[in-house]
């Protein structure tokens, strides 16, 4: 599971990216 700059795990309904495009590329 990827983690954002805040250390939150991805795939849990939480989007840490500024834009959906960022989330898609990550």
N, C-alpha and C. Protein backbone atom coordinates (compact mmCIF):
# COMPACT_ATOMS: atom_id res chain seq x y z
N UNK A 1 0.85 -1.20 0.00
CA UNK A 1 0.00 0.00 0.00
C UNK A 1 0.88 1.24 0.00
N UNK A 2 0.59 2.17 -0.90
CA UNK A 2 1.37 3.40 -0.97
C UNK A 2 0.99 4.33 0.16
N UNK A 3 1.93 5.17 0.57
CA UNK A 3 1.65 6.13 1.64
C UNK A 3 1.95 7.54 1.15
N UNK A 4 1.12 8.49 1.56
CA UNK A 4 1.34 9.86 1.12
C UNK A 4 2.31 10.57 2.07
N UNK A 5 2.49 11.85 1.89
CA UNK A 5 3.43 12.62 2.69
C UNK A 5 3.03 12.68 4.16
N UNK A 6 1.76 12.38 4.44
CA UNK A 6 1.29 12.42 5.81
C UNK A 6 1.36 11.03 6.45
N UNK A 7 1.76 10.04 5.66
CA UNK A 7 1.89 8.69 6.18
C UNK A 7 0.58 7.93 6.16
N UNK A 8 -0.43 8.47 5.50
CA UNK A 8 -1.72 7.78 5.43
C UNK A 8 -1.67 6.73 4.31
N UNK A 9 -2.27 5.58 4.56
CA UNK A 9 -2.29 4.53 3.57
C UNK A 9 -3.32 4.80 2.48
N UNK A 10 -3.01 4.33 1.27
CA UNK A 10 -3.93 4.53 0.16
C UNK A 10 -4.94 3.39 0.09
N UNK A 11 -5.97 3.58 -0.75
CA UNK A 11 -6.95 2.53 -0.95
C UNK A 11 -7.95 2.40 0.18
N UNK A 12 -8.06 3.44 1.00
CA UNK A 12 -8.99 3.37 2.13
C UNK A 12 -10.02 4.48 2.03
N UNK A 13 -10.29 4.92 0.81
CA UNK A 13 -11.27 5.99 0.63
C UNK A 13 -10.69 7.35 0.90
N UNK A 14 -9.37 7.40 1.13
CA UNK A 14 -8.72 8.68 1.42
C UNK A 14 -7.86 9.11 0.25
N UNK A 15 -8.10 10.32 -0.25
CA UNK A 15 -7.31 10.82 -1.37
C UNK A 15 -6.43 11.96 -0.89
N UNK A 16 -5.11 11.73 -0.91
CA UNK A 16 -4.18 12.74 -0.42
C UNK A 16 -3.63 13.59 -1.56
N UNK A 17 -4.07 13.27 -2.78
CA UNK A 17 -3.55 14.00 -3.94
C UNK A 17 -4.35 15.26 -4.20
N UNK A 18 -3.70 16.21 -4.81
CA UNK A 18 -4.34 17.49 -5.11
C UNK A 18 -5.41 17.30 -6.18
N UNK A 19 -5.11 16.44 -7.15
CA UNK A 19 -6.04 16.21 -8.24
C UNK A 19 -6.17 14.72 -8.52
N UNK A 20 -7.29 14.28 -9.10
CA UNK A 20 -7.48 12.87 -9.46
C UNK A 20 -6.39 12.37 -10.41
N UNK A 21 -5.85 13.28 -11.23
CA UNK A 21 -4.80 12.91 -12.16
C UNK A 21 -3.56 12.47 -11.39
N UNK A 22 -3.27 13.16 -10.30
CA UNK A 22 -2.13 12.81 -9.47
C UNK A 22 -2.30 11.41 -8.90
N UNK A 23 -3.49 11.11 -8.44
CA UNK A 23 -3.77 9.80 -7.86
C UNK A 23 -3.64 8.70 -8.92
N UNK A 24 -4.06 9.00 -10.12
CA UNK A 24 -4.00 8.03 -11.20
C UNK A 24 -2.56 7.72 -11.59
N UNK A 25 -1.72 8.74 -11.64
CA UNK A 25 -0.32 8.55 -12.02
C UNK A 25 0.48 7.89 -10.91
N UNK A 26 0.05 8.04 -9.70
CA UNK A 26 0.76 7.45 -8.56
C UNK A 26 0.33 5.98 -8.41
